[in-house]
Amino acid sequence: MQPGCAERQRQLGAAFGKLDAVFVNAGIVDLRPLADWSEAAFDRSVAIDLKGPYFLVKALVPLLSNPASIILSGSVNAHMGMAGTHVYSLAKAGMISLARTLSGELIGRGIRANVISPGPIDTPLNDKLGLGPAETKTRAKAVVGMVPAGRFGTAEEIANAVVFLASDECRFMVGSEMLIDGGMSIM
């Protein structure tokens, strides 16, 4: 356990008691061709997109109620072969696998884990890709062209799915993935 982790667990427990649900929504999107990846860049992406969420869940499990729900954030990219997304995609595929393996291990304690895999969502992340205004507009048009629903999803649509997965309405959903991608993964 990381130094200070036990103290943070104690503080969280004192402030909130037992947790009924945890939504682990962490990630960066670093898109580049295979030839442009260094080991340091790879390690950074995997640390943020997979390692960090893994150890956060590990630290929070002792604080979870019975029953409780863990919701992990995956991505439609784990199901697609989009150029330049391989490191991001492999980390998000790891999150999908993590939901299954956590469920297998924790279901006896009343803790279920599932994953939400969004497609393109209209968030401030889209402005952090280092593109100029014209390139951003061109990229957005190209992305929407890959989505049968013809638009970006909204943060509210993802939040609604998280609330559903955290609720007792889906307590039989265990180790599953919910794709919220406007049909992008079926194309």
Protein backbone atom coordinates (compact mmCIF):
# COMPACT_ATOMS: atom_id res chain seq x y z
CA MET A 1 0.00 0.00 0.00
CA GLN A 2 1.28 3.46 -0.89
CA PRO A 3 2.50 5.63 1.99
CA GLY A 4 -0.40 7.68 3.28
CA CYS A 5 -3.00 5.46 1.60
CA ALA A 6 -4.25 4.01 4.88
CA GLU A 7 -4.64 7.52 6.28
CA ARG A 8 -6.61 8.64 3.21
CA GLN A 9 -8.83 5.55 3.54
CA ARG A 10 -9.45 6.43 7.18
CA GLN A 11 -10.31 10.02 6.26
CA LEU A 12 -12.70 8.94 3.51
CA GLY A 13 -14.36 6.45 5.83
CA ALA A 14 -14.74 9.07 8.55
CA ALA A 15 -16.19 11.61 6.12
CA PHE A 16 -18.51 9.35 4.12
CA GLY A 17 -18.86 6.02 5.91
CA LYS A 18 -19.25 3.12 3.51
CA LEU A 19 -19.41 3.83 -0.22
CA ASP A 20 -22.30 2.43 -2.26
CA ALA A 21 -20.77 3.19 -5.65
CA VAL A 22 -17.52 4.29 -7.22
CA PHE A 23 -17.15 5.67 -10.75
CA VAL A 24 -13.54 5.55 -11.90
CA ASN A 25 -13.33 7.89 -14.86
CA ALA A 26 -9.68 8.60 -15.54
CA GLY A 27 -7.77 8.89 -18.70
CA ILE A 28 -5.80 10.77 -21.26
CA VAL A 29 -5.88 10.37 -24.99
CA ASP A 30 -2.44 10.43 -26.53
CA LEU A 31 -2.80 9.65 -30.21
CA ARG A 32 0.27 9.02 -32.35
CA PRO A 33 1.61 6.55 -34.89
CA LEU A 34 3.45 3.48 -33.63
CA ALA A 35 6.83 4.86 -34.71
CA ASP A 36 6.37 7.96 -32.51
CA TRP A 37 5.86 6.09 -29.21
CA SER A 38 8.67 6.08 -26.69
CA GLU A 39 8.75 3.80 -23.69
CA ALA A 40 8.28 6.83 -21.42
CA ALA A 41 5.18 7.98 -23.32
CA PHE A 42 3.78 4.44 -23.25
CA ASP A 43 4.40 4.17 -19.49
CA ARG A 44 2.73 7.55 -18.87
CA SER A 45 -0.40 6.63 -20.81
CA VAL A 46 -0.75 3.19 -19.24
CA ALA A 47 -0.09 4.64 -15.77
CA ILE A 48 -2.93 7.15 -16.15
CA ASP A 49 -5.40 5.04 -18.13
CA LEU A 50 -4.95 1.67 -16.37
CA LYS A 51 -2.53 1.57 -13.44
CA GLY A 52 -4.01 4.58 -11.63
CA PRO A 53 -7.61 3.32 -11.82
CA TYR A 54 -6.49 -0.17 -10.77
CA PHE A 55 -4.79 1.03 -7.61
CA LEU A 56 -7.60 3.49 -6.83
CA VAL A 57 -10.10 0.62 -6.90
CA LYS A 58 -7.76 -1.48 -4.76
CA ALA A 59 -7.59 1.33 -2.18
CA LEU A 60 -11.37 1.90 -2.16
CA VAL A 61 -12.57 -1.71 -1.95
CA PRO A 62 -12.27 -1.79 1.87
CA LEU A 63 -14.65 1.19 2.02
CA LEU A 64 -17.36 -0.37 -0.15
CA SER A 65 -20.73 -1.39 1.23
CA ASN A 66 -22.47 -4.69 0.68
CA PRO A 67 -23.99 -4.32 -1.89
CA ALA A 68 -21.86 -1.88 -3.87
CA SER A 69 -21.10 -1.03 -7.47
CA ILE A 70 -17.81 -0.21 -9.17
CA ILE A 71 -18.16 1.47 -12.56
CA LEU A 72 -15.03 1.72 -14.68
CA SER A 73 -14.53 3.91 -17.73
CA GLY A 74 -13.53 2.05 -20.88
CA SER A 75 -13.77 3.23 -24.48
CA VAL A 76 -15.22 2.24 -27.82
CA ASN A 77 -11.59 2.31 -29.00
CA ALA A 78 -11.04 -1.04 -27.29
CA HIS A 79 -13.28 -2.52 -30.01
CA MET A 80 -11.94 -0.70 -33.04
CA GLY A 81 -8.72 -0.67 -35.02
CA MET A 82 -8.30 3.09 -35.33
CA ALA A 83 -4.81 4.17 -36.35
CA GLY A 84 -2.82 5.92 -33.64
CA THR A 85 -5.04 4.77 -30.77
CA HIS A 86 -3.23 1.53 -29.89
CA VAL A 87 -1.85 2.48 -26.44
CA TYR A 88 -5.09 4.17 -25.38
CA SER A 89 -7.09 1.23 -26.76
CA LEU A 90 -5.03 -1.41 -24.97
CA ALA A 91 -5.35 0.41 -21.65
CA LYS A 92 -9.13 0.74 -22.07
CA ALA A 93 -9.38 -2.94 -23.07
CA GLY A 94 -7.60 -3.60 -19.78
CA MET A 95 -10.37 -1.72 -17.96
CA ILE A 96 -12.97 -3.96 -19.62
CA SER A 97 -11.07 -7.04 -18.48
CA LEU A 98 -10.63 -5.53 -15.02
CA ALA A 99 -14.41 -5.18 -14.61
CA ARG A 100 -14.80 -8.89 -15.30
CA THR A 101 -12.01 -10.04 -13.03
CA LEU A 102 -13.01 -7.71 -10.20
CA SER A 103 -16.55 -9.07 -10.42
CA GLY A 104 -15.28 -12.63 -10.23
CA GLU A 105 -13.27 -11.80 -7.14
CA LEU A 106 -15.61 -9.41 -5.32
CA ILE A 107 -19.15 -10.63 -6.08
CA GLY A 108 -19.07 -12.80 -2.95
CA ARG A 109 -18.71 -9.59 -0.94
CA GLY A 110 -21.70 -8.06 -2.72
CA ILE A 111 -19.54 -5.86 -4.94
CA ARG A 112 -20.18 -5.90 -8.67
CA ALA A 113 -18.09 -4.16 -11.31
CA ASN A 114 -19.12 -3.04 -14.76
CA VAL A 115 -17.66 -0.78 -17.40
CA ILE A 116 -19.03 2.02 -19.52
CA SER A 117 -17.34 2.37 -22.90
CA PRO A 118 -18.22 5.68 -24.47
CA GLY A 119 -17.77 6.66 -28.05
CA PRO A 120 -16.95 10.26 -28.91
CA ILE A 121 -18.34 12.53 -26.22
CA ASP A 122 -18.51 16.32 -26.39
CA THR A 123 -16.20 17.28 -23.52
CA PRO A 124 -13.34 19.74 -22.97
CA LEU A 125 -10.94 16.86 -23.76
CA ASN A 126 -11.58 17.54 -27.45
CA ASP A 127 -9.98 20.98 -27.01
CA LYS A 128 -6.83 19.48 -25.48
CA LEU A 129 -5.65 17.54 -28.52
CA GLY A 130 -3.27 20.31 -29.58
CA LEU A 131 -5.15 21.11 -32.76
CA GLY A 132 -5.97 24.54 -34.11
CA PRO A 133 -9.60 25.67 -34.59
CA ALA A 134 -9.75 24.59 -38.24
CA GLU A 135 -8.14 21.19 -37.51
CA THR A 136 -10.48 20.69 -34.54
CA LYS A 137 -13.51 21.34 -36.75
CA THR A 138 -12.20 18.98 -39.46
CA ARG A 139 -11.48 16.27 -36.89
CA ALA A 140 -14.94 16.64 -35.30
CA LYS A 141 -16.60 16.30 -38.71
CA ALA A 142 -14.55 13.16 -39.47
CA VAL A 143 -15.40 11.62 -36.09
CA VAL A 144 -19.13 12.34 -36.44
CA GLY A 145 -18.93 10.71 -39.87
CA MET A 146 -17.99 7.42 -38.13
CA VAL A 147 -20.98 7.58 -35.74
CA PRO A 148 -24.26 6.20 -37.13
CA ALA A 149 -26.20 8.45 -34.72
CA GLY A 150 -24.55 11.39 -36.51
CA ARG A 151 -23.36 13.32 -33.47
CA PHE A 152 -21.13 13.37 -30.43
CA GLY A 153 -22.60 11.98 -27.22
CA THR A 154 -23.10 14.17 -24.17
CA ALA A 155 -21.67 14.00 -20.68
CA GLU A 156 -25.25 13.76 -19.41
CA GLU A 157 -25.82 10.57 -21.40
CA ILE A 158 -22.78 9.00 -19.76
CA ALA A 159 -23.86 10.25 -16.32
CA ASN A 160 -27.28 8.66 -16.79
CA ALA A 161 -25.65 5.31 -17.53
CA VAL A 162 -23.40 5.64 -14.47
CA VAL A 163 -26.42 6.33 -12.26
CA PHE A 164 -28.14 3.28 -13.71
CA LEU A 165 -25.12 1.02 -13.11
CA ALA A 166 -24.77 2.35 -9.57
CA SER A 167 -28.44 1.70 -8.80
CA ASP A 168 -30.30 -1.37 -7.62
CA GLU A 169 -32.12 -1.30 -10.99
CA CYS A 170 -29.29 -3.32 -12.53
CA ARG A 171 -27.98 -5.37 -9.63
CA PHE A 172 -27.95 -8.46 -11.89
CA MET A 173 -25.50 -6.76 -14.28
CA VAL A 174 -22.09 -8.07 -13.26
CA GLY A 175 -18.79 -7.85 -15.14
CA SER A 176 -20.50 -6.37 -18.17
CA GLU A 177 -19.74 -3.60 -20.58
CA MET A 178 -22.19 -0.92 -21.66
CA LEU A 179 -21.21 0.61 -25.01
CA ILE A 180 -22.55 4.15 -25.33
CA ASP A 181 -21.18 5.07 -28.71
CA GLY A 182 -23.99 6.10 -31.05
CA GLY A 183 -23.46 2.82 -32.92
CA MET A 184 -19.79 3.52 -33.70
CA SER A 185 -18.60 0.06 -32.65
CA ILE A 186 -20.91 -1.74 -35.06
CA MET A 187 -19.48 -0.02 -38.12
